[in-house]
Structures are given as structure tokens and as C-alpha cells.
Amino acid sequence: MALAGKGSKGESFLAVVVGGGAAFGLIVITSRAWKACDVDVTGSVPNGLTLLFLGLPLALIVNLVLFTTVFRYAGKAFLFSLLAAAIAITIADLALFSWQGTPAGSPGTCPGNVPPWWPTWIPT
């Protein structure tokens, strides 16, 4: 597919769409987890502002860099490169959720700050 060739504007567009969507999804899941477990990570600053000004930029940068790197070096096939980049972003976002989405240092009502709706087969 020439539209999304390696190093093209199409690749940049895909990186923003896929990486940005995944970053937004990570922030939504983290916010839901914090609300479900009554986690207060910052004290005087609301959790929403923390996620907006710290969490979203961090997730966006990680996802954009990871997508671009994996997409460019995964191979010549467009679909394989796209799938490899999506899997890499999923793994990275799950690691970010495990690291900051379930903060062990902040008191919460859930055991380990893992919400009851989180699937047990996905490790945190």
C-alpha cells in the first residue's frame, strides 16, 4: 500500500490514529480503575488533571515512538507491520497500566488497586 509506505505521511497519520487511540483508551481504563477503587494518587490535585497533563502525554509519546519503530522495521508487508505495531502498543499499554494504573503506594478500596471488573487472566 503506497499510501502508508515507510517514512511517509500515511505512516505518520497511522501512528497518530493508532497510537493516539490506544493512549486515550489507556487513560480511560486507568480513570475507571481509579474511580472503581477510590484511588487518590495526587492528594490536592484531582486525578483527572493528573491523567490529562501527565498520563496522556506519557502514553502518547510511548505509543507514537513504539508504533513508528515497529512499523518501520517489522517487514515489508503492510498488514504484518500494522499488526506487529498494534501488538507492541497493546503490550506497552498493559505494562503502563500495571505500573501506574494500579499504584501500590496509593491506598484504595480494592486489593492491589485492581478493580473487580478487570479480567483475572490479564496480569497487573
Protein backbone atom coordinates (compact mmCIF):
# COMPACT_ATOMS: atom_id res chain seq x y z
CA MET A 1 0.00 0.00 0.00
CA ALA A 2 1.76 3.13 -1.22
CA LEU A 3 -0.38 5.47 0.90
CA ALA A 4 1.20 4.26 4.13
CA GLY A 5 4.71 3.49 2.97
CA LYS A 6 7.61 3.51 5.36
CA GLY A 7 8.51 7.07 6.33
CA SER A 8 5.52 8.64 4.55
CA LYS A 9 2.78 10.99 5.72
CA GLY A 10 0.45 7.99 5.71
CA GLU A 11 2.67 6.28 8.28
CA SER A 12 2.59 9.39 10.47
CA PHE A 13 -1.19 9.52 10.18
CA LEU A 14 -1.47 5.84 11.15
CA ALA A 15 0.88 6.42 14.11
CA VAL A 16 -1.29 9.26 15.39
CA VAL A 17 -4.56 7.38 14.86
CA VAL A 18 -3.47 4.04 16.31
CA GLY A 19 -1.11 5.41 18.98
CA GLY A 20 -3.43 8.25 19.97
CA GLY A 21 -6.45 5.97 20.15
CA ALA A 22 -4.57 3.47 22.29
CA ALA A 23 -3.29 6.26 24.58
CA PHE A 24 -6.82 7.60 25.01
CA GLY A 25 -8.07 4.08 25.76
CA LEU A 26 -5.33 3.60 28.36
CA ILE A 27 -6.29 6.86 30.08
CA VAL A 28 -9.98 5.88 30.11
CA ILE A 29 -9.22 2.46 31.60
CA THR A 30 -6.89 3.97 34.21
CA SER A 31 -9.51 6.57 35.16
CA ARG A 32 -12.21 3.90 35.50
CA ALA A 33 -9.89 1.75 37.63
CA TRP A 34 -9.04 4.65 39.93
CA LYS A 35 -12.71 5.56 40.33
CA ALA A 36 -13.75 1.96 41.00
CA CYS A 37 -11.10 1.53 43.69
CA ASP A 38 -11.27 5.08 45.14
CA VAL A 39 -7.58 5.65 44.44
CA ASP A 40 -6.27 9.14 45.19
CA VAL A 41 -2.82 9.39 43.65
CA THR A 42 -2.08 13.08 43.96
CA GLY A 43 -3.86 14.39 47.02
CA SER A 44 -4.80 18.00 46.33
CA VAL A 45 -4.78 17.76 42.51
CA PRO A 46 -7.73 15.85 41.01
CA ASN A 47 -6.93 12.54 39.34
CA GLY A 48 -8.39 13.75 36.04
CA LEU A 49 -5.88 16.58 35.75
CA THR A 50 -3.05 14.19 36.59
CA LEU A 51 -4.14 11.85 33.82
CA LEU A 52 -4.64 14.70 31.35
CA PHE A 53 -1.34 16.50 31.90
CA LEU A 54 0.93 13.61 32.91
CA GLY A 55 -0.65 10.32 31.83
CA LEU A 56 -1.85 11.25 28.35
CA PRO A 57 1.41 12.82 27.13
CA LEU A 58 3.44 9.90 28.50
CA ALA A 59 1.17 7.30 26.89
CA LEU A 60 1.05 9.25 23.63
CA ILE A 61 4.83 9.58 23.36
CA VAL A 62 5.39 5.91 24.17
CA ASN A 63 2.75 4.80 21.66
CA LEU A 64 3.91 7.07 18.83
CA VAL A 65 7.57 6.13 19.18
CA LEU A 66 6.76 2.44 19.54
CA PHE A 67 4.37 2.42 16.56
CA THR A 68 6.83 4.21 14.30
CA THR A 69 9.74 1.98 15.29
CA VAL A 70 7.91 -1.33 14.99
CA PHE A 71 6.01 -0.34 11.83
CA ARG A 72 9.20 0.65 10.02
CA TYR A 73 11.29 -2.36 10.98
CA ALA A 74 8.73 -5.20 11.17
CA GLY A 75 8.96 -6.07 7.49
CA LYS A 76 7.79 -5.10 4.05
CA ALA A 77 4.21 -6.36 4.31
CA PHE A 78 1.85 -3.56 5.32
CA LEU A 79 -0.63 -5.68 7.29
CA PHE A 80 2.10 -7.56 9.13
CA SER A 81 3.79 -4.29 10.11
CA LEU A 82 0.48 -2.82 11.26
CA LEU A 83 -0.39 -5.91 13.29
CA ALA A 84 3.07 -6.05 14.87
CA ALA A 85 2.85 -2.37 15.85
CA ALA A 86 -0.64 -2.83 17.32
CA ILE A 87 0.52 -5.82 19.39
CA ALA A 88 3.58 -3.90 20.63
CA ILE A 89 1.38 -0.95 21.66
CA THR A 90 -1.03 -3.28 23.45
CA ILE A 91 1.79 -4.85 25.45
CA ALA A 92 3.30 -1.46 26.29
CA ASP A 93 -0.07 -0.03 27.37
CA LEU A 94 -0.77 -3.04 29.59
CA ALA A 95 2.66 -2.53 31.17
CA LEU A 96 1.88 1.18 31.72
CA PHE A 97 -1.47 0.25 33.27
CA SER A 98 0.21 -2.28 35.56
CA TRP A 99 2.80 0.30 36.57
CA GLN A 100 0.62 3.39 37.10
CA GLY A 101 -2.97 2.23 36.68
CA THR A 102 -2.80 0.07 39.80
CA PRO A 103 -0.49 2.11 42.06
CA ALA A 104 0.60 0.05 45.06
CA GLY A 105 1.66 3.13 47.04
CA SER A 106 -1.78 4.77 46.97
CA PRO A 107 -4.48 3.49 49.31
CA GLY A 108 -7.61 2.18 47.64
CA THR A 109 -10.60 0.00 48.41
CA CYS A 110 -9.68 -2.82 46.00
CA PRO A 111 -7.00 -5.41 46.79
CA GLY A 112 -3.84 -4.31 45.00
CA ASN A 113 -5.83 -1.42 43.48
CA VAL A 114 -7.01 -3.81 40.76
CA PRO A 115 -10.69 -3.15 40.02
CA PRO A 116 -13.17 -6.03 40.27
CA TRP A 117 -14.10 -5.72 36.59
CA TRP A 118 -10.50 -6.32 35.42
CA PRO A 119 -10.11 -9.80 33.84
CA THR A 120 -8.08 -12.13 36.04
CA TRP A 121 -6.30 -13.67 33.04
CA ILE A 122 -4.61 -10.32 32.25
CA PRO A 123 -1.77 -9.79 34.74
CA THR A 124 -1.30 -6.49 36.54
